Amino acid sequence: MLKIVIAAGLVLAANSVAFAASPEFCAGYAQAALNQVRVARSNPACAPGLVGTRWSPEYGVHYGWCITAAPPAAAEEREMRTRYLRSCRR
């Protein structure tokens, strides 16, 4: 039974890595995230919602998350920031 559980865990781990975003994709994602963070921080109307790692000013935070995520999840995160930026425009 333990062998089956370990084998299932290895299969799941291998599958999650196979669908993770590439380093090149994540470099672009992280840079875009920093651009969005800069825009948000420059607008006082956006300040109340700038909480959590989504709004971190650290490149490594965004890159590190992305490298473990599937590209659709990264695209959704980017879209969530875009939606928030649109919502707090003056």
PDB file of N, CA and C in Angstrom:
ATOM      1  N   MET A   1       0.831  -1.202   0.000  1.00  0.00           N
ATOM      2  CA  MET A   1       0.000   0.000   0.000  1.00  0.00           C
ATOM      3  C   MET A   1       0.870   1.258   0.000  1.00  0.00           C
ATOM      4  N   LEU A   2       1.908   1.271   0.811  1.00  0.00           N
ATOM      5  CA  LEU A   2       2.788   2.438   0.885  1.00  0.00           C
ATOM      6  C   LEU A   2       3.460   2.692  -0.456  1.00  0.00           C
ATOM      7  N   LYS A   3       3.835   1.612  -1.145  1.00  0.00           N
ATOM      8  CA  LYS A   3       4.462   1.762  -2.464  1.00  0.00           C
ATOM      9  C   LYS A   3       3.512   2.420  -3.453  1.00  0.00           C
ATOM     10  N   ILE A   4       2.249   2.098  -3.358  1.00  0.00           N
ATOM     11  CA  ILE A   4       1.244   2.689  -4.258  1.00  0.00           C
ATOM     12  C   ILE A   4       1.095   4.179  -3.973  1.00  0.00           C
ATOM     13  N   VAL A   5       1.063   4.546  -2.714  1.00  0.00           N
ATOM     14  CA  VAL A   5       0.935   5.949  -2.321  1.00  0.00           C
ATOM     15  C   VAL A   5       2.155   6.743  -2.788  1.00  0.00           C
ATOM     16  N   ILE A   6       3.334   6.180  -2.596  1.00  0.00           N
ATOM     17  CA  ILE A   6       4.553   6.862  -3.029  1.00  0.00           C
ATOM     18  C   ILE A   6       4.571   6.994  -4.549  1.00  0.00           C
ATOM     19  N   ALA A   7       4.206   5.938  -5.250  1.00  0.00           N
ATOM     20  CA  ALA A   7       4.177   5.987  -6.719  1.00  0.00           C
ATOM     21  C   ALA A   7       3.181   7.029  -7.203  1.00  0.00           C
ATOM     22  N   ALA A   8       2.022   7.099  -6.588  1.00  0.00           N
ATOM     23  CA  ALA A   8       1.015   8.092  -6.982  1.00  0.00           C
ATOM     24  C   ALA A   8       1.538   9.503  -6.739  1.00  0.00           C
ATOM     25  N   GLY A   9       2.225   9.701  -5.629  1.00  0.00           N
ATOM     26  CA  GLY A   9       2.803  11.013  -5.335  1.00  0.00           C
ATOM     27  C   GLY A   9       3.855  11.411  -6.355  1.00  0.00           C
ATOM     28  N   LEU A  10       4.672  10.477  -6.766  1.00  0.00           N
ATOM     29  CA  LEU A  10       5.692  10.764  -7.771  1.00  0.00           C
ATOM     30  C   LEU A  10       5.072  11.109  -9.115  1.00  0.00           C
ATOM     31  N   VAL A  11       4.020  10.417  -9.487  1.00  0.00           N
ATOM     32  CA  VAL A  11       3.328  10.714 -10.739  1.00  0.00           C
ATOM     33  C   VAL A  11       2.727  12.112 -10.692  1.00  0.00           C
ATOM     34  N   LEU A  12       2.089  12.450  -9.603  1.00  0.00           N
ATOM     35  CA  LEU A  12       1.506  13.787  -9.463  1.00  0.00           C
ATOM     36  C   LEU A  12       2.578  14.861  -9.501  1.00  0.00           C
ATOM     37  N   ALA A  13       3.676  14.633  -8.830  1.00  0.00           N
ATOM     38  CA  ALA A  13       4.766  15.611  -8.831  1.00  0.00           C
ATOM     39  C   ALA A  13       5.339  15.775 -10.225  1.00  0.00           C
ATOM     40  N   ALA A  14       5.525  14.698 -10.924  1.00  0.00           N
ATOM     41  CA  ALA A  14       6.055  14.770 -12.290  1.00  0.00           C
ATOM     42  C   ALA A  14       5.092  15.507 -13.213  1.00  0.00           C
ATOM     43  N   ASN A  15       3.814  15.267 -13.042  1.00  0.00           N
ATOM     44  CA  ASN A  15       2.830  15.953 -13.880  1.00  0.00           C
ATOM     45  C   ASN A  15       2.777  17.436 -13.597  1.00  0.00           C
ATOM     46  N   SER A  16       2.894  17.840 -12.350  1.00  0.00           N
ATOM     47  CA  SER A  16       2.832  19.267 -12.032  1.00  0.00           C
ATOM     48  C   SER A  16       4.054  19.990 -12.579  1.00  0.00           C
ATOM     49  N   VAL A  17       5.206  19.359 -12.566  1.00  0.00           N
ATOM     50  CA  VAL A  17       6.408  19.976 -13.118  1.00  0.00           C
ATOM     51  C   VAL A  17       6.297  20.074 -14.629  1.00  0.00           C
ATOM     52  N   ALA A  18       5.723  19.064 -15.246  1.00  0.00           N
ATOM     53  CA  ALA A  18       5.602  19.049 -16.704  1.00  0.00           C
ATOM     54  C   ALA A  18       4.751  20.207 -17.205  1.00  0.00           C
ATOM     55  N   PHE A  19       3.849  20.673 -16.396  1.00  0.00           N
ATOM     56  CA  PHE A  19       2.953  21.744 -16.822  1.00  0.00           C
ATOM     57  C   PHE A  19       3.366  23.111 -16.273  1.00  0.00           C
ATOM     58  N   ALA A  20       4.484  23.175 -15.592  1.00  0.00           N
ATOM     59  CA  ALA A  20       4.945  24.444 -15.044  1.00  0.00           C
ATOM     60  C   ALA A  20       5.442  25.341 -16.175  1.00  0.00           C
ATOM     61  N   ALA A  21       5.372  26.629 -15.927  1.00  0.00           N
ATOM     62  CA  ALA A  21       5.817  27.613 -16.918  1.00  0.00           C
ATOM     63  C   ALA A  21       7.332  27.549 -17.087  1.00  0.00           C
ATOM     64  N   SER A  22       7.795  27.946 -18.253  1.00  0.00           N
ATOM     65  CA  SER A  22       9.228  27.920 -18.551  1.00  0.00           C
ATOM     66  C   SER A  22       9.937  29.113 -17.909  1.00  0.00           C
ATOM     67  N   PRO A  23      11.253  29.014 -17.733  1.00  0.00           N
ATOM     68  CA  PRO A  23      12.008  30.154 -17.186  1.00  0.00           C
ATOM     69  C   PRO A  23      11.855  31.411 -18.038  1.00  0.00           C
ATOM     70  N   GLU A  24      11.824  31.265 -19.343  1.00  0.00           N
ATOM     71  CA  GLU A  24      11.671  32.433 -20.223  1.00  0.00           C
ATOM     72  C   GLU A  24      10.305  33.091 -20.027  1.00  0.00           C
ATOM     73  N   PHE A  25       9.272  32.269 -19.973  1.00  0.00           N
ATOM     74  CA  PHE A  25       7.922  32.785 -19.747  1.00  0.00           C
ATOM     75  C   PHE A  25       7.872  33.520 -18.411  1.00  0.00           C
ATOM     76  N   CYS A  26       8.458  32.907 -17.383  1.00  0.00           N
ATOM     77  CA  CYS A  26       8.397  33.485 -16.040  1.00  0.00           C
ATOM     78  C   CYS A  26       9.209  34.768 -15.916  1.00  0.00           C
ATOM     79  N   ALA A  27      10.282  34.890 -16.676  1.00  0.00           N
ATOM     80  CA  ALA A  27      11.039  36.145 -16.666  1.00  0.00           C
ATOM     81  C   ALA A  27      10.163  37.281 -17.184  1.00  0.00           C
ATOM     82  N   GLY A  28       9.443  37.033 -18.267  1.00  0.00           N
ATOM     83  CA  GLY A  28       8.524  38.036 -18.803  1.00  0.00           C
ATOM     84  C   GLY A  28       7.368  38.306 -17.862  1.00  0.00           C
ATOM     85  N   TYR A  29       6.848  37.238 -17.265  1.00  0.00           N
ATOM     86  CA  TYR A  29       5.747  37.379 -16.314  1.00  0.00           C
ATOM     87  C   TYR A  29       6.167  38.255 -15.131  1.00  0.00           C
ATOM     88  N   ALA A  30       7.345  37.969 -14.577  1.00  0.00           N
ATOM     89  CA  ALA A  30       7.812  38.718 -13.408  1.00  0.00           C
ATOM     90  C   ALA A  30       8.042  40.182 -13.749  1.00  0.00           C
ATOM     91  N   GLN A  31       8.602  40.449 -14.912  1.00  0.00           N
ATOM     92  CA  GLN A  31       8.827  41.841 -15.315  1.00  0.00           C
ATOM     93  C   GLN A  31       7.501  42.574 -15.505  1.00  0.00           C
ATOM     94  N   ALA A  32       6.533  41.904 -16.122  1.00  0.00           N
ATOM     95  CA  ALA A  32       5.208  42.509 -16.298  1.00  0.00           C
ATOM     96  C   ALA A  32       4.547  42.762 -14.939  1.00  0.00           C
ATOM     97  N   ALA A  33       4.717  41.825 -14.013  1.00  0.00           N
ATOM     98  CA  ALA A  33       4.142  42.007 -12.676  1.00  0.00           C
ATOM     99  C   ALA A  33       4.750  43.234 -12.000  1.00  0.00           C
ATOM    100  N   LEU A  34       6.060  43.401 -12.122  1.00  0.00           N
ATOM    101  CA  LEU A  34       6.695  44.581 -11.519  1.00  0.00           C
ATOM    102  C   LEU A  34       6.198  45.868 -12.152  1.00  0.00           C
ATOM    103  N   ASN A  35       5.974  45.853 -13.447  1.00  0.00           N
ATOM    104  CA  ASN A  35       5.410  47.038 -14.112  1.00  0.00           C
ATOM    105  C   ASN A  35       4.026  47.348 -13.560  1.00  0.00           C
ATOM    106  N   GLN A  36       3.213  46.320 -13.382  1.00  0.00           N
ATOM    107  CA  GLN A  36       1.874  46.530 -12.832  1.00  0.00           C
ATOM    108  C   GLN A  36       1.944  47.033 -11.395  1.00  0.00           C
ATOM    109  N   VAL A  37       2.879  46.512 -10.613  1.00  0.00           N
ATOM    110  CA  VAL A  37       3.046  46.964  -9.229  1.00  0.00           C
ATOM    111  C   VAL A  37       3.448  48.436  -9.204  1.00  0.00           C
ATOM    112  N   ARG A  38       4.364  48.831 -10.093  1.00  0.00           N
ATOM    113  CA  ARG A  38       4.790  50.244 -10.150  1.00  0.00           C
ATOM    114  C   ARG A  38       3.602  51.155 -10.472  1.00  0.00           C
ATOM    115  N   VAL A  39       2.800  50.757 -11.444  1.00  0.00           N
ATOM    116  CA  VAL A  39       1.625  51.554 -11.816  1.00  0.00           C
ATOM    117  C   VAL A  39       0.676  51.656 -10.625  1.00  0.00           C
ATOM    118  N   ALA A  40       0.424  50.552  -9.975  1.00  0.00           N
ATOM    119  CA  ALA A  40      -0.499  50.545  -8.838  1.00  0.00           C
ATOM    120  C   ALA A  40       0.019  51.426  -7.695  1.00  0.00           C
ATOM    121  N   ARG A  41       1.294  51.344  -7.406  1.00  0.00           N
ATOM    122  CA  ARG A  41       1.864  52.133  -6.308  1.00  0.00           C
ATOM    123  C   ARG A  41       1.908  53.625  -6.629  1.00  0.00           C
ATOM    124  N   SER A  42       1.873  53.957  -7.901  1.00  0.00           N
ATOM    125  CA  SER A  42       1.895  55.376  -8.269  1.00  0.00           C
ATOM    126  C   SER A  42       0.502  56.007  -8.223  1.00  0.00           C
ATOM    127  N   ASN A  43      -0.518  55.198  -7.987  1.00  0.00           N
ATOM    128  CA  ASN A  43      -1.895  55.693  -7.946  1.00  0.00           C
ATOM    129  C   ASN A  43      -2.448  55.537  -6.528  1.00  0.00           C
ATOM    130  N   PRO A  44      -2.625  56.640  -5.788  1.00  0.00           N
ATOM    131  CA  PRO A  44      -3.133  56.543  -4.423  1.00  0.00           C
ATOM    132  C   PRO A  44      -4.486  55.827  -4.323  1.00  0.00           C
ATOM    133  N   ALA A  45      -5.293  55.879  -5.365  1.00  0.00           N
ATOM    134  CA  ALA A  45      -6.590  55.211  -5.331  1.00  0.00           C
ATOM    135  C   ALA A  45      -6.444  53.688  -5.292  1.00  0.00           C
ATOM    136  N   CYS A  46      -5.302  53.183  -5.728  1.00  0.00           N
ATOM    137  CA  CYS A  46      -5.065  51.739  -5.723  1.00  0.00           C
ATOM    138  C   CYS A  46      -4.519  51.230  -4.390  1.00  0.00           C
ATOM    139  N   ALA A  47      -3.993  52.122  -3.575  1.00  0.00           N
ATOM    140  CA  ALA A  47      -3.286  51.745  -2.343  1.00  0.00           C
ATOM    141  C   ALA A  47      -4.045  50.766  -1.445  1.00  0.00           C
ATOM    142  N   PRO A  48      -5.346  50.936  -1.230  1.00  0.00           N
ATOM    143  CA  PRO A  48      -6.030  50.033  -0.297  1.00  0.00           C
ATOM    144  C   PRO A  48      -5.961  48.553  -0.679  1.00  0.00           C
ATOM    145  N   GLY A  49      -5.857  48.245  -1.952  1.00  0.00           N
ATOM    146  CA  GLY A  49      -5.867  46.840  -2.367  1.00  0.00           C
ATOM    147  C   GLY A  49      -4.511  46.227  -2.604  1.00  0.00           C
ATOM    148  N   LEU A  50      -3.448  46.943  -2.293  1.00  0.00           N
ATOM    149  CA  LEU A  50      -2.105  46.436  -2.584  1.00  0.00           C
ATOM    150  C   LEU A  50      -1.570  45.591  -1.430  1.00  0.00           C
ATOM    151  N   VAL A  51      -2.211  44.463  -1.224  1.00  0.00           N
ATOM    152  CA  VAL A  51      -1.819  43.551  -0.155  1.00  0.00           C
ATOM    153  C   VAL A  51      -1.480  42.187  -0.741  1.00  0.00           C
ATOM    154  N   GLY A  52      -0.624  41.484  -0.076  1.00  0.00           N
ATOM    155  CA  GLY A  52      -0.274  40.136  -0.489  1.00  0.00           C
ATOM    156  C   GLY A  52       0.833  40.099  -1.529  1.00  0.00           C
ATOM    157  N   THR A  53       1.255  38.906  -1.852  1.00  0.00           N
ATOM    158  CA  THR A  53       2.364  38.730  -2.781  1.00  0.00           C
ATOM    159  C   THR A  53       2.029  39.162  -4.201  1.00  0.00           C
ATOM    160  N   ARG A  54       0.762  39.228  -4.536  1.00  0.00           N
ATOM    161  CA  ARG A  54       0.367  39.703  -5.867  1.00  0.00           C
ATOM    162  C   ARG A  54       0.956  41.084  -6.150  1.00  0.00           C
ATOM    163  N   TRP A  55       1.119  41.882  -5.104  1.00  0.00           N
ATOM    164  CA  TRP A  55       1.590  43.260  -5.271  1.00  0.00           C
ATOM    165  C   TRP A  55       3.003  43.466  -4.725  1.00  0.00           C
ATOM    166  N   SER A  56       3.761  42.402  -4.608  1.00  0.00           N
ATOM    167  CA  SER A  56       5.140  42.510  -4.122  1.00  0.00           C
ATOM    168  C   SER A  56       6.002  43.278  -5.125  1.00  0.00           C
ATOM    169  N   PRO A  57       6.887  44.145  -4.628  1.00  0.00           N
ATOM    170  CA  PRO A  57       7.814  44.855  -5.510  1.00  0.00           C
ATOM    171  C   PRO A  57       9.079  44.036  -5.800  1.00  0.00           C
ATOM    172  N   GLU A  58       9.104  42.772  -5.399  1.00  0.00           N
ATOM    173  CA  GLU A  58      10.274  41.910  -5.550  1.00  0.00           C
ATOM    174  C   GLU A  58      10.130  40.998  -6.766  1.00  0.00           C
ATOM    175  N   TYR A  59      11.052  41.107  -7.693  1.00  0.00           N
ATOM    176  CA  TYR A  59      11.079  40.268  -8.898  1.00  0.00           C
ATOM    177  C   TYR A  59      11.051  38.779  -8.528  1.00  0.00           C
ATOM    178  N   GLY A  60      11.874  38.400  -7.559  1.00  0.00           N
ATOM    179  CA  GLY A  60      11.986  36.995  -7.170  1.00  0.00           C
ATOM    180  C   GLY A  60      10.692  36.393  -6.663  1.00  0.00           C
ATOM    181  N   VAL A  61       9.860  37.193  -6.029  1.00  0.00           N
ATOM    182  CA  VAL A  61       8.571  36.696  -5.545  1.00  0.00           C
ATOM    183  C   VAL A  61       7.703  36.275  -6.731  1.00  0.00           C
ATOM    184  N   HIS A  62       7.628  37.117  -7.745  1.00  0.00           N
ATOM    185  CA  HIS A  62       6.796  36.819  -8.909  1.00  0.00           C
ATOM    186  C   HIS A  62       7.393  35.686  -9.737  1.00  0.00           C
ATOM    187  N   TYR A  63       8.695  35.727  -9.947  1.00  0.00           N
ATOM    188  CA  TYR A  63       9.357  34.681 -10.731  1.00  0.00           C
ATOM    189  C   TYR A  63       9.255  33.331 -10.014  1.00  0.00           C
ATOM    190  N   GLY A  64       9.524  33.323  -8.733  1.00  0.00           N
ATOM    191  CA  GLY A  64       9.468  32.089  -7.955  1.00  0.00           C
ATOM    192  C   GLY A  64       8.090  31.447  -7.965  1.00  0.00           C
ATOM    193  N   TRP A  65       7.054  32.258  -7.875  1.00  0.00           N
ATOM    194  CA  TRP A  65       5.700  31.706  -7.939  1.00  0.00           C
ATOM    195  C   TRP A  65       5.433  31.164  -9.335  1.00  0.00           C
ATOM    196  N   CYS A  66       5.775  31.934 -10.336  1.00  0.00           N
ATOM    197  CA  CYS A  66       5.489  31.556 -11.717  1.00  0.00           C
ATOM    198  C   CYS A  66       6.144  30.232 -12.100  1.00  0.00           C
ATOM    199  N   ILE A  67       7.358  30.027 -11.685  1.00  0.00           N
ATOM    200  CA  ILE A  67       8.111  28.846 -12.109  1.00  0.00           C
ATOM    201  C   ILE A  67       7.473  27.554 -11.585  1.00  0.00           C
ATOM    202  N   THR A  68       6.599  27.676 -10.602  1.00  0.00           N
ATOM    203  CA  THR A  68       5.890  26.501 -10.073  1.00  0.00           C
ATOM    204  C   THR A  68       4.458  26.426 -10.567  1.00  0.00           C
ATOM    205  N   ALA A  69       4.037  27.404 -11.341  1.00  0.00           N
ATOM    206  CA  ALA A  69       2.640  27.486 -11.780  1.00  0.00           C
ATOM    207  C   ALA A  69       2.504  27.088 -13.247  1.00  0.00           C
ATOM    208  N   ALA A  70       1.323  26.664 -13.589  1.00  0.00           N
ATOM    209  CA  ALA A  70       1.006  26.401 -14.993  1.00  0.00           C
ATOM    210  C   ALA A  70       0.790  27.744 -15.689  1.00  0.00           C
ATOM    211  N   PRO A  71       1.133  27.850 -16.958  1.00  0.00           N
ATOM    212  CA  PRO A  71       0.935  29.118 -17.678  1.00  0.00           C
ATOM    213  C   PRO A  71      -0.481  29.700 -17.567  1.00  0.00           C
ATOM    214  N   PRO A  72      -1.543  28.890 -17.624  1.00  0.00           N
ATOM    215  CA  PRO A  72      -2.877  29.501 -17.461  1.00  0.00           C
ATOM    216  C   PRO A  72      -3.076  30.157 -16.089  1.00  0.00           C
ATOM    217  N   ALA A  73      -2.479  29.588 -15.048  1.00  0.00           N
ATOM    218  CA  ALA A  73      -2.589  30.197 -13.716  1.00  0.00           C
ATOM    219  C   ALA A  73      -1.839  31.523 -13.681  1.00  0.00           C
ATOM    220  N   ALA A  74      -0.687  31.580 -14.321  1.00  0.00           N
ATOM    221  CA  ALA A  74       0.079  32.833 -14.372  1.00  0.00           C
ATOM    222  C   ALA A  74      -0.681  33.883 -15.174  1.00  0.00           C
ATOM    223  N   ALA A  75      -1.301  33.469 -16.258  1.00  0.00           N
ATOM    224  CA  ALA A  75      -2.087  34.414 -17.060  1.00  0.00           C
ATOM    225  C   ALA A  75      -3.270  34.949 -16.251  1.00  0.00           C
ATOM    226  N   GLU A  76      -3.890  34.102 -15.470  1.00  0.00           N
ATOM    227  CA  GLU A  76      -5.017  34.538 -14.636  1.00  0.00           C
ATOM    228  C   GLU A  76      -4.543  35.520 -13.555  1.00  0.00           C
ATOM    229  N   GLU A  77      -3.398  35.256 -12.962  1.00  0.00           N
ATOM    230  CA  GLU A  77      -2.861  36.165 -11.940  1.00  0.00           C
ATOM    231  C   GLU A  77      -2.570  37.533 -12.547  1.00  0.00           C
ATOM    232  N   ARG A  78      -1.986  37.527 -13.711  1.00  0.00           N
ATOM    233  CA  ARG A  78      -1.702  38.789 -14.413  1.00  0.00           C
ATOM    234  C   ARG A  78      -3.001  39.537 -14.715  1.00  0.00           C
ATOM    235  N   GLU A  79      -4.010  38.786 -15.137  1.00  0.00           N
ATOM    236  CA  GLU A  79      -5.316  39.390 -15.432  1.00  0.00           C
ATOM    237  C   GLU A  79      -5.967  39.957 -14.173  1.00  0.00           C
ATOM    238  N   MET A  80      -5.793  39.292 -13.037  1.00  0.00           N
ATOM    239  CA  MET A  80      -6.355  39.804 -11.776  1.00  0.00           C
ATOM    240  C   MET A  80      -5.730  41.163 -11.432  1.00  0.00           C
ATOM    241  N   ARG A  81      -4.413  41.291 -11.651  1.00  0.00           N
ATOM    242  CA  ARG A  81      -3.782  42.592 -11.408  1.00  0.00           C
ATOM    243  C   ARG A  81      -4.318  43.630 -12.384  1.00  0.00           C
ATOM    244  N   THR A  82      -4.472  43.250 -13.636  1.00  0.00           N
ATOM    245  CA  THR A  82      -4.991  44.178 -14.652  1.00  0.00           C
ATOM    246  C   THR A  82      -6.387  44.661 -14.273  1.00  0.00           C
ATOM    247  N   ARG A  83      -7.233  43.753 -13.861  1.00  0.00           N
ATOM    248  CA  ARG A  83      -8.602  44.129 -13.461  1.00  0.00           C
ATOM    249  C   ARG A  83      -8.583  45.105 -12.287  1.00  0.00           C
ATOM    250  N   TYR A  84      -7.708  44.823 -11.319  1.00  0.00           N
ATOM    251  CA  TYR A  84      -7.646  45.729 -10.176  1.00  0.00           C
ATOM    252  C   TYR A  84      -7.159  47.106 -10.604  1.00  0.00           C
ATOM    253  N   LEU A  85      -6.158  47.157 -11.453  1.00  0.00           N
ATOM    254  CA  LEU A  85      -5.657  48.458 -11.921  1.00  0.00           C
ATOM    255  C   LEU A  85      -6.762  49.231 -12.622  1.00  0.00           C
ATOM    256  N   ARG A  86      -7.554  48.574 -13.413  1.00  0.00           N
ATOM    257  CA  ARG A  86      -8.668  49.250 -14.100  1.00  0.00           C
ATOM    258  C   ARG A  86      -9.709  49.745 -13.107  1.00  0.00           C
ATOM    259  N   SER A  87      -9.918  48.982 -12.040  1.00  0.00           N
ATOM    260  CA  SER A  87     -10.961  49.342 -11.068  1.00  0.00           C
ATOM    261  C   SER A  87     -10.590  50.564 -10.227  1.00  0.00           C
ATOM    262  N   CYS A  88      -9.322  50.847 -10.089  1.00  0.00           N
ATOM    263  CA  CYS A  88      -8.945  51.956  -9.203  1.00  0.00           C
ATOM    264  C   CYS A  88      -8.398  53.163  -9.978  1.00  0.00           C
ATOM    265  N   ARG A  89      -8.634  53.193 -11.265  1.00  0.00           N
ATOM    266  CA  ARG A  89      -8.247  54.377 -12.041  1.00  0.00           C
ATOM    267  C   ARG A  89      -9.087  55.567 -11.622  1.00  0.00           C
ATOM    268  N   ARG A  90      -8.495  56.712 -11.715  1.00  0.00           N
ATOM    269  CA  ARG A  90      -9.244  57.951 -11.389  1.00  0.00           C
ATOM    270  C   ARG A  90      -9.990  58.443 -12.579  1.00  0.00           C
TER     271      ARG A  90
END
